[in-house]
Protein backbone atom coordinates (compact mmCIF):
# COMPACT_ATOMS: atom_id res chain seq x y z
CA MET A 1 27.84 -22.80 21.29
CA GLU A 2 28.64 -20.76 18.18
CA GLY A 3 29.22 -17.01 18.19
CA PRO A 4 26.06 -15.07 17.22
CA GLN A 5 27.89 -13.15 14.47
CA SER A 6 28.88 -16.39 12.74
CA ILE A 7 25.37 -17.86 12.41
CA PRO A 8 24.19 -17.66 8.78
CA PRO A 9 20.52 -16.98 7.93
CA GLY A 10 18.21 -19.97 7.77
CA LYS A 11 19.44 -21.93 10.78
CA ARG A 12 17.08 -22.72 13.61
CA VAL A 13 18.54 -21.63 16.93
CA ARG A 14 17.78 -21.50 20.63
CA ILE A 15 18.94 -18.27 22.30
CA THR A 16 19.32 -17.68 26.03
CA ARG A 17 19.50 -14.06 27.11
CA ASP A 18 21.24 -12.71 30.22
CA ASP A 19 17.89 -12.20 31.97
CA GLY A 20 16.89 -15.86 31.49
CA LEU A 21 14.65 -15.34 28.45
CA VAL A 22 14.86 -18.32 26.06
CA VAL A 23 13.62 -18.07 22.47
CA GLU A 24 13.70 -20.40 19.47
CA GLY A 25 13.41 -19.48 15.84
CA ILE A 26 15.04 -19.08 12.45
CA VAL A 27 17.90 -16.64 11.99
CA MET A 28 16.82 -13.95 9.55
CA PRO A 29 19.08 -12.27 6.98
CA ARG A 30 20.35 -8.78 7.59
CA TYR A 31 19.31 -5.99 5.31
CA GLU A 32 21.13 -2.76 4.59
CA LEU A 33 19.59 -0.81 7.49
CA SER A 34 19.91 -3.58 10.07
CA SER A 35 21.84 -2.82 13.22
CA PRO A 36 25.06 -4.88 13.39
CA ASP A 37 24.55 -5.15 17.15
CA HIS A 38 21.39 -7.26 16.87
CA LEU A 39 20.46 -10.75 15.75
CA VAL A 40 17.01 -11.02 14.16
CA VAL A 41 15.09 -14.25 14.71
CA LYS A 42 11.72 -15.32 13.31
CA LEU A 43 9.64 -16.99 16.02
CA ASP A 44 7.30 -19.91 15.42
CA ASN A 45 4.31 -17.53 15.57
CA GLY A 46 5.66 -15.73 12.52
CA TYR A 47 6.86 -12.55 14.19
CA ASN A 48 10.45 -11.30 14.13
CA ILE A 49 12.37 -10.11 17.16
CA GLY A 50 15.76 -8.50 17.49
CA ILE A 51 18.10 -9.53 20.30
CA ARG A 52 21.15 -7.50 21.25
CA LEU A 53 24.32 -9.52 20.77
CA ASP A 54 25.85 -8.36 24.05
CA ARG A 55 22.91 -9.85 25.97
CA ILE A 56 23.16 -13.35 24.46
CA VAL A 57 24.74 -15.77 26.95
CA ARG A 58 24.08 -18.95 24.97
CA LEU A 59 23.20 -19.77 21.37
CA ASP A 60 22.64 -23.32 20.15
CA VAL A 61 22.04 -24.33 16.55
CA LEU A 62 19.15 -26.81 16.49
CA GLU A 63 18.83 -27.66 12.80
CA GLU A 64 19.76 -26.56 9.33
CA TYR A 65 17.39 -24.81 6.96
CA LYS A 66 15.52 -27.41 4.92
CA ARG A 67 14.93 -26.69 1.27
CA LEU A 68 11.55 -27.52 -0.18
CA SER A 69 13.26 -29.09 -3.16
CA LYS A 70 16.68 -29.40 -4.70
CA PRO A 71 17.92 -26.31 -6.51
CA GLY A 72 16.36 -26.13 -9.96
CA GLU A 73 13.83 -28.90 -9.27
CA PRO A 74 10.10 -28.15 -8.98
CA VAL A 75 8.02 -29.19 -6.02
CA PRO A 76 5.78 -31.89 -7.55
CA LEU A 77 2.56 -30.90 -5.84
CA VAL A 78 0.27 -29.63 -8.60
CA GLU A 79 -0.47 -33.14 -9.84
CA GLU A 80 -1.36 -34.22 -6.31
CA LEU A 81 -4.03 -31.56 -5.88
CA SER A 82 -7.70 -31.80 -6.81
CA VAL A 83 -7.37 -29.20 -9.53
CA ALA A 84 -10.52 -27.79 -11.14
CA LYS A 85 -9.86 -28.87 -14.72
CA ASP A 86 -12.96 -27.17 -16.15
CA ARG A 87 -11.51 -23.67 -15.83
CA ARG A 88 -8.12 -22.28 -16.88
CA VAL A 89 -6.73 -19.08 -15.41
CA ALA A 90 -3.55 -17.32 -16.50
CA VAL A 91 -1.53 -15.74 -13.69
CA LEU A 92 0.82 -12.91 -14.62
CA GLY A 93 3.39 -11.86 -12.03
CA THR A 94 4.68 -8.29 -11.94
CA GLY A 95 6.29 -8.26 -8.50
CA GLY A 96 5.09 -6.95 -5.17
CA THR A 97 4.52 -8.54 -1.78
CA ILE A 98 2.09 -11.20 -2.98
CA ALA A 99 4.56 -12.60 -5.50
CA SER A 100 7.53 -13.06 -3.21
CA ARG A 101 8.84 -15.20 -0.41
CA ILE A 102 11.97 -15.19 1.71
CA ASP A 103 14.64 -17.79 1.12
CA TYR A 104 15.90 -18.14 4.66
CA GLU A 105 19.12 -19.75 3.52
CA THR A 106 20.27 -16.89 1.33
CA GLY A 107 18.21 -14.04 2.68
CA ALA A 108 16.95 -13.21 -0.79
CA VAL A 109 13.37 -12.26 -1.51
CA LYS A 110 12.35 -14.48 -4.40
CA PRO A 111 9.29 -14.66 -6.61
CA GLN A 112 7.02 -17.59 -5.84
CA LEU A 113 5.03 -17.29 -9.03
CA ASP A 114 5.64 -20.75 -10.30
CA ALA A 115 2.79 -23.27 -10.37
CA ASP A 116 4.47 -25.69 -7.98
CA GLU A 117 5.42 -22.98 -5.51
CA LEU A 118 1.83 -21.76 -5.58
CA ALA A 119 0.58 -25.29 -5.05
CA LEU A 120 2.78 -25.52 -1.98
CA SER A 121 1.86 -22.15 -0.48
CA ILE A 122 -1.72 -21.61 -1.73
CA PRO A 123 -3.15 -25.03 -2.66
CA GLU A 124 -6.73 -23.88 -2.07
CA ALA A 125 -6.59 -21.67 -5.18
CA PHE A 126 -6.44 -24.76 -7.38
CA ARG A 127 -9.96 -25.73 -6.29
CA TYR A 128 -11.29 -23.13 -8.70
CA ALA A 129 -9.04 -23.45 -11.76
CA SER A 130 -5.90 -24.87 -13.21
CA LEU A 131 -3.25 -22.15 -13.19
CA ASP A 132 -0.67 -21.28 -15.80
CA VAL A 133 1.87 -18.89 -14.35
CA GLU A 134 4.17 -16.44 -16.08
CA GLU A 135 6.38 -13.80 -14.49
CA ILE A 136 6.42 -10.82 -16.86
CA LEU A 137 7.95 -8.25 -14.49
CA SER A 138 9.70 -8.29 -11.14
CA ILE A 139 9.58 -4.72 -9.87
CA PHE A 140 8.24 -2.79 -6.92
CA SER A 141 4.93 -1.22 -7.87
CA GLU A 142 6.29 2.28 -7.26
CA ASN A 143 8.58 1.64 -10.24
CA MET A 144 5.62 1.03 -12.56
CA LYS A 145 5.54 3.31 -15.61
CA PRO A 146 3.06 3.74 -18.48
CA ARG A 147 5.27 1.51 -20.64
CA HIS A 148 4.74 -1.26 -18.08
CA TRP A 149 0.97 -0.80 -18.34
CA GLU A 150 1.34 -1.37 -22.08
CA LEU A 151 3.34 -4.56 -21.51
CA ILE A 152 0.81 -5.93 -19.02
CA ALA A 153 -2.09 -5.07 -21.33
CA GLU A 154 -0.41 -6.87 -24.23
CA LYS A 155 0.22 -9.98 -22.10
CA VAL A 156 -3.37 -9.99 -20.85
CA TYR A 157 -4.59 -9.67 -24.44
CA ARG A 158 -2.54 -12.68 -25.55
CA LYS A 159 -3.76 -14.84 -22.68
CA LEU A 160 -7.39 -14.01 -23.40
CA LYS A 161 -6.84 -14.70 -27.10
CA GLU A 162 -5.59 -18.15 -26.08
CA GLY A 163 -8.95 -18.87 -24.49
CA TYR A 164 -8.28 -18.60 -20.76
CA ASP A 165 -11.36 -18.24 -18.57
CA GLY A 166 -9.79 -15.29 -16.77
CA VAL A 167 -6.51 -13.56 -16.01
CA VAL A 168 -5.01 -12.74 -12.60
CA VAL A 169 -2.35 -10.03 -12.42
CA ALA A 170 -0.29 -10.19 -9.21
CA HIS A 171 0.75 -6.62 -8.47
CA GLY A 172 2.20 -4.48 -5.70
CA THR A 173 -0.53 -2.61 -3.85
CA ASP A 174 0.89 0.92 -3.86
CA THR A 175 0.13 1.67 -7.52
CA MET A 176 -2.27 -1.16 -8.28
CA GLY A 177 -5.12 1.32 -8.77
CA TYR A 178 -3.24 3.08 -11.56
CA THR A 179 -2.59 -0.19 -13.42
CA ALA A 180 -6.20 -1.31 -12.93
CA ALA A 181 -7.41 1.95 -14.47
CA ALA A 182 -4.94 1.60 -17.35
CA LEU A 183 -6.18 -1.90 -18.18
CA SER A 184 -9.78 -0.70 -17.88
CA PHE A 185 -9.28 1.93 -20.57
CA ALA A 186 -7.11 -0.30 -22.75
CA PHE A 187 -9.89 -2.93 -22.83
CA HIS A 188 -12.94 -0.66 -22.60
CA LYS A 189 -14.25 -1.86 -25.97
CA GLY A 190 -14.37 -5.51 -25.07
CA LEU A 191 -13.30 -8.20 -22.63
CA PRO A 192 -14.50 -11.81 -22.86
CA ALA A 193 -13.57 -12.64 -19.24
CA PRO A 194 -12.50 -11.00 -15.97
CA VAL A 195 -9.07 -9.44 -15.52
CA VAL A 196 -8.31 -9.45 -11.79
CA LEU A 197 -5.53 -7.50 -10.12
CA VAL A 198 -4.52 -8.75 -6.69
CA GLY A 199 -1.88 -7.93 -4.12
CA ALA A 200 -0.97 -8.38 -0.48
CA GLN A 201 -0.59 -5.85 2.29
CA ARG A 202 1.51 -8.24 4.37
CA SER A 203 4.11 -10.70 3.17
CA SER A 204 3.55 -14.45 3.26
CA ASP A 205 6.05 -14.98 6.10
CA ARG A 206 3.91 -12.91 8.50
CA PRO A 207 1.21 -14.57 10.60
CA SER A 208 -1.30 -11.91 9.52
CA SER A 209 -0.52 -12.28 5.83
CA ASP A 210 -3.39 -11.70 3.43
CA ALA A 211 -1.56 -13.16 0.42
CA ALA A 212 -3.23 -16.60 0.29
CA PHE A 213 -6.73 -15.29 1.00
CA ASN A 214 -6.51 -12.53 -1.60
CA PHE A 215 -4.98 -14.77 -4.25
CA THR A 216 -7.59 -17.49 -3.79
CA ALA A 217 -10.34 -14.87 -4.02
CA ALA A 218 -8.76 -13.52 -7.20
CA VAL A 219 -8.61 -16.97 -8.83
CA LEU A 220 -12.22 -17.62 -7.85
CA THR A 221 -13.25 -14.29 -9.40
CA ALA A 222 -11.24 -14.79 -12.58
CA SER A 223 -12.59 -18.29 -13.14
CA ARG A 224 -16.20 -18.06 -11.96
CA ALA A 225 -17.45 -14.45 -11.90
CA PRO A 226 -20.24 -13.69 -14.40
CA PHE A 227 -18.79 -10.31 -15.34
CA ALA A 228 -16.06 -9.49 -17.85
CA GLU A 229 -14.41 -6.42 -16.38
CA VAL A 230 -11.13 -5.25 -14.91
CA VAL A 231 -11.33 -5.45 -11.12
CA VAL A 232 -9.13 -5.31 -8.05
CA VAL A 233 -9.83 -8.08 -5.53
CA MET A 234 -8.61 -7.54 -1.96
CA HIS A 235 -9.76 -8.09 1.62
CA GLY A 236 -13.20 -6.61 2.33
CA GLU A 237 -12.63 -6.38 6.09
CA THR A 238 -9.85 -7.12 8.54
CA GLY A 239 -10.85 -10.74 9.09
CA ASP A 240 -10.81 -13.57 6.58
CA SER A 241 -14.51 -13.68 5.75
CA TYR A 242 -14.80 -12.05 2.32
CA ALA A 243 -12.97 -10.06 -0.31
CA LEU A 244 -14.37 -7.26 -2.46
CA ALA A 245 -14.11 -6.89 -6.22
CA HIS A 246 -13.66 -3.21 -7.03
CA ARG A 247 -13.93 -1.80 -10.54
CA GLY A 248 -10.54 -0.83 -11.90
CA THR A 249 -11.49 2.81 -12.42
CA ARG A 250 -13.15 3.25 -9.04
CA VAL A 251 -10.68 1.74 -6.60
CA ARG A 252 -8.22 3.45 -4.30
CA LYS A 253 -5.81 2.30 -1.60
CA MET A 254 -7.07 4.13 1.49
CA HIS A 255 -4.72 2.88 4.20
CA THR A 256 -1.01 2.15 4.37
CA SER A 257 -1.18 -1.21 6.12
CA ARG A 258 -4.72 -2.45 6.85
CA ARG A 259 -5.69 -5.63 5.09
CA ASP A 260 -8.93 -3.97 3.96
CA ALA A 261 -7.11 -0.93 2.61
CA PHE A 262 -8.84 -0.88 -0.78
CA GLN A 263 -12.15 0.86 -1.28
CA SER A 264 -14.49 1.71 -4.12
CA ILE A 265 -14.85 5.49 -4.44
CA ASN A 266 -18.12 7.19 -5.43
CA ALA A 267 -19.55 3.80 -6.40
CA PRO A 268 -20.34 0.46 -4.77
CA PRO A 269 -17.98 -2.49 -5.13
CA LEU A 270 -18.94 -4.85 -7.94
CA ALA A 271 -19.06 -8.01 -5.85
CA LYS A 272 -18.34 -9.76 -2.57
CA VAL A 273 -16.11 -12.80 -2.92
CA TYR A 274 -16.05 -15.67 -0.40
CA PRO A 275 -12.98 -17.79 -1.26
CA ASP A 276 -13.57 -20.36 1.48
CA LYS A 277 -17.13 -21.07 0.31
CA GLY A 278 -16.54 -20.53 -3.40
CA GLU A 279 -19.29 -17.91 -3.58
CA ILE A 280 -19.52 -14.62 -5.47
CA VAL A 281 -22.31 -12.23 -4.49
CA ILE A 282 -22.96 -9.49 -7.04
CA LEU A 283 -23.47 -6.07 -5.43
CA ASP A 284 -23.88 -3.97 -8.57
CA HIS A 285 -25.93 -5.73 -11.22
CA ARG A 286 -24.93 -3.24 -13.91
CA TYR A 287 -21.96 -5.06 -15.37
CA ARG A 288 -20.57 -6.34 -18.65
CA GLU A 289 -21.19 -10.05 -18.97
CA ARG A 290 -18.79 -12.73 -20.11
CA VAL A 291 -18.87 -13.24 -23.87
CA SER A 292 -17.38 -15.70 -26.33
CA SER A 293 -15.87 -13.00 -28.56
CA GLU A 294 -12.20 -12.08 -28.64
CA PRO A 295 -10.77 -9.19 -26.59
CA VAL A 296 -10.40 -5.73 -28.11
CA LEU A 297 -7.22 -3.92 -27.07
CA GLU A 298 -6.58 -0.19 -27.52
CA ASN A 299 -3.12 0.04 -26.03
CA GLY A 300 -0.80 3.02 -25.63
CA PHE A 301 -0.26 5.69 -22.98
CA GLU A 302 1.37 9.13 -23.06
CA ASP A 303 3.95 9.35 -20.28
CA ARG A 304 4.25 13.16 -20.29
CA VAL A 305 1.19 13.71 -18.10
CA ALA A 306 1.37 15.20 -14.59
CA LEU A 307 -0.87 14.83 -11.55
CA LEU A 308 -0.64 17.86 -9.24
CA LYS A 309 -2.31 18.67 -5.92
CA PHE A 310 -3.35 22.27 -5.40
CA PHE A 311 -1.99 23.85 -2.23
CA PRO A 312 -2.25 27.32 -0.64
CA GLY A 313 0.92 28.93 -1.89
CA ARG A 314 2.80 29.37 -5.15
CA PHE A 315 0.90 26.71 -7.03
CA ALA A 316 0.86 28.78 -10.22
CA GLU A 317 4.66 28.47 -10.39
CA VAL A 318 4.41 24.68 -10.17
CA LEU A 319 1.89 24.63 -13.02
CA ASP A 320 4.13 26.85 -15.11
CA ALA A 321 7.21 24.71 -14.42
CA VAL A 322 5.41 21.52 -15.43
CA ALA A 323 4.09 23.02 -18.64
CA SER A 324 7.51 24.47 -19.46
CA ALA A 325 9.06 21.02 -19.00
CA GLY A 326 7.12 19.74 -22.01
CA TYR A 327 4.26 17.90 -20.36
CA ARG A 328 1.35 17.34 -22.73
CA GLY A 329 -1.41 17.15 -20.16
CA ILE A 330 -2.05 18.01 -16.51
CA VAL A 331 -4.53 16.71 -13.95
CA VAL A 332 -5.09 18.99 -10.96
CA GLU A 333 -6.56 17.94 -7.63
CA GLY A 334 -8.36 21.11 -6.67
CA SER A 335 -9.81 21.98 -3.29
CA GLY A 336 -13.45 21.27 -2.51
CA PHE A 337 -15.46 21.40 -5.72
CA GLY A 338 -12.18 21.53 -7.67
CA HIS A 339 -10.93 25.07 -7.07
CA VAL A 340 -7.52 26.69 -7.38
CA ASP A 341 -6.45 30.25 -6.59
CA GLU A 342 -6.80 33.29 -8.87
CA GLU A 343 -3.15 33.35 -9.87
CA ALA A 344 -3.26 29.69 -10.86
CA ILE A 345 -6.35 30.32 -13.00
CA LYS A 346 -4.43 32.88 -15.04
CA THR A 347 -1.61 30.38 -15.54
CA MET A 348 -4.09 27.66 -16.50
CA ARG A 349 -5.63 29.92 -19.16
CA ARG A 350 -2.21 30.48 -20.77
CA ILE A 351 -1.23 26.79 -20.59
CA ILE A 352 -4.51 25.66 -22.17
CA LYS A 353 -4.18 28.30 -24.88
CA ASP A 354 -0.77 26.76 -25.68
CA GLY A 355 -2.48 23.40 -26.33
CA VAL A 356 -1.99 21.58 -23.01
CA PRO A 357 -5.28 20.24 -21.60
CA ILE A 358 -5.92 20.57 -17.86
CA VAL A 359 -8.38 18.24 -16.13
CA VAL A 360 -9.65 19.19 -12.68
CA THR A 361 -10.61 16.69 -9.98
CA SER A 362 -11.13 17.08 -6.24
CA GLN A 363 -8.69 16.21 -3.51
CA THR A 364 -11.62 15.44 -1.21
CA ILE A 365 -11.80 12.09 -3.10
CA PHE A 366 -15.51 11.54 -2.38
CA GLY A 367 -18.06 13.62 -4.25
CA ARG A 368 -17.79 15.29 -7.64
CA VAL A 369 -16.31 18.40 -9.17
CA ASN A 370 -18.74 21.28 -9.68
CA LEU A 371 -17.26 24.46 -11.10
CA ARG A 372 -20.59 26.27 -11.43
CA VAL A 373 -21.24 26.94 -7.75
CA TYR A 374 -18.70 29.67 -6.98
CA ALA A 375 -17.15 32.45 -9.04
CA THR A 376 -13.75 30.77 -8.85
CA GLY A 377 -15.05 27.67 -10.56
CA ARG A 378 -16.79 29.68 -13.28
CA LYS A 379 -13.53 31.49 -14.01
CA MET A 380 -11.81 28.11 -14.33
CA LEU A 381 -14.42 26.98 -16.85
CA LEU A 382 -13.90 30.18 -18.85
CA ALA A 383 -10.16 29.44 -18.79
CA GLY A 384 -10.91 26.14 -20.52
CA VAL A 385 -10.32 23.48 -17.86
CA ILE A 386 -12.02 20.08 -18.23
CA PRO A 387 -14.06 19.08 -15.16
CA GLY A 388 -13.30 15.54 -14.01
CA ASP A 389 -16.79 15.01 -12.55
CA ASP A 390 -16.59 12.24 -9.91
CA MET A 391 -13.44 10.57 -11.24
CA ILE A 392 -10.72 9.62 -8.78
CA PRO A 393 -7.66 11.84 -9.44
CA GLU A 394 -5.50 8.80 -10.25
CA THR A 395 -8.09 7.51 -12.71
CA ALA A 396 -8.31 10.92 -14.39
CA TYR A 397 -4.52 10.94 -14.71
CA VAL A 398 -4.51 7.49 -16.34
CA LYS A 399 -7.41 8.36 -18.63
CA LEU A 400 -5.73 11.57 -19.82
CA SER A 401 -2.58 9.56 -20.47
CA TRP A 402 -4.61 7.10 -22.55
CA VAL A 403 -6.51 9.87 -24.38
CA LEU A 404 -3.39 11.84 -25.28
CA ALA A 405 -1.85 8.73 -26.85
CA ARG A 406 -4.60 8.89 -29.51
CA ALA A 407 -5.86 12.49 -29.60
CA ARG A 408 -4.17 15.89 -29.85
CA ASP A 409 -6.99 18.20 -30.89
CA MET A 410 -8.26 19.95 -27.76
CA ASP A 411 -11.91 19.44 -28.68
CA GLU A 412 -11.32 15.72 -29.22
CA VAL A 413 -9.44 15.45 -25.93
CA ARG A 414 -12.30 17.18 -24.12
CA SER A 415 -14.87 14.94 -25.79
CA LEU A 416 -13.06 11.74 -24.78
CA MET A 417 -12.42 12.95 -21.23
CA GLU A 418 -16.10 13.84 -20.77
CA LYS A 419 -17.38 10.55 -22.24
CA PRO A 420 -17.72 7.61 -19.79
CA LEU A 421 -15.69 4.71 -21.17
CA ALA A 422 -15.02 2.22 -18.37
CA TRP A 423 -17.32 3.08 -15.44
CA GLU A 424 -14.87 5.82 -14.42
CA LYS A 425 -17.64 8.35 -13.84
CA GLY A 426 -21.25 8.07 -12.79
CA GLU A 427 -24.51 9.89 -13.14
CA ARG A 428 -25.16 12.81 -10.84
CA GLN A 429 -26.94 11.45 -7.78
CA ALA A 430 -28.01 12.34 -4.27
CA LEU A 431 -25.03 12.72 -1.95
CA ARG A 432 -23.94 9.31 -0.72
CA LEU A 433 -20.51 8.49 0.58
CA TYR A 434 -18.97 5.05 0.78
CA PRO A 435 -16.52 5.49 3.67
CA ARG A 436 -16.95 1.85 4.72
CA TRP A 437 -18.05 -1.23 2.89
CA ASP A 438 -19.26 -3.75 5.47
CA HIS A 439 -22.94 -3.37 4.64
CA ASP A 440 -25.28 -4.16 1.75
CA TYR A 441 -24.31 -2.28 -1.39
CA THR A 442 -26.68 -4.01 -3.79
CA VAL A 443 -28.01 -1.59 -6.44
């Protein structure tokens, strides 16, 4: 028996505890917040458990970690698959849970965005297209910046120019909605094929992982969908029955950990996607169709834009501080119909007069801004704010960033913000919320 502290990650062990409990599994690597008094083991069911070292009475090493291939050598599986040769999809990796796996020998989290690795872990995706994979970034999605949106947009543009039938962008889920909106505006003048962002709520080493299901659904959408739009494809419900394709300007992550965390806001999803059956059911028949023309890219984003949530308190001081810091545009999540307090309205008037546009959305998420109902809203309109209508706050932030990269005149900024460009706002309609999505949305 070896001492528990001396067992390196990756070895399969059998542990006997002082109360007679016996477990088998793979020793997991420690991370910076791990307790030094515990040994973490991954069980065969995929879950991890921690066992206190002082309670281990016996530990036997059963086998060494087995590599899938020799270091530096690919896993030759792609050629063995029944790959759909009639469609080609480019896969761009940016990081995030879906694009990583654990190397149990070293403890490192490594990208798996290599065609052979994908063939090994998600072979079913190759039923719908041959995949060409390129890792363009390897960052957590919370580290995404407007300059990264520009890089992704440029890479997508090049792949579409090369004639791919679709592009999949593997992305961390936390800020995927922002990037989807950015690509939507950058390509609002023309896409020949779908651009599909996809992520995973749970890593591939967990038994409840959604990585393979989501990725397969994304490849199916990119290769076979009739529309040519920017969409986010993620689980449509907690099981593995279907995914939903959400428009890039209408999607929001609505839960921290659920597999069906993503939801279309103030609009129906574009399609239901059944990766196991290879079916795509269109839910909103108002879409831009695939075309044979080349993509049109209008890239560039202003990074000095702020997104602020109104709160009862000294919000006016926050507005003033942001404007004084040199920001060139501000999006405010107001209360209810989009309101802020009287003091903040005075500050807004001064900021707008100084040439900094302020767009107002609602922190209620569902519904639309209406500044003509109450006196507070009418005062905000007189101060010069731009109503965001039914835009999601994050989408309004991205759109203002895109607009300010090409317009400085306040009238031009207002005109572009009010004009629908990429399905980011809809016509005024009877009140209808979309709090769930497990029913017929066909329109």
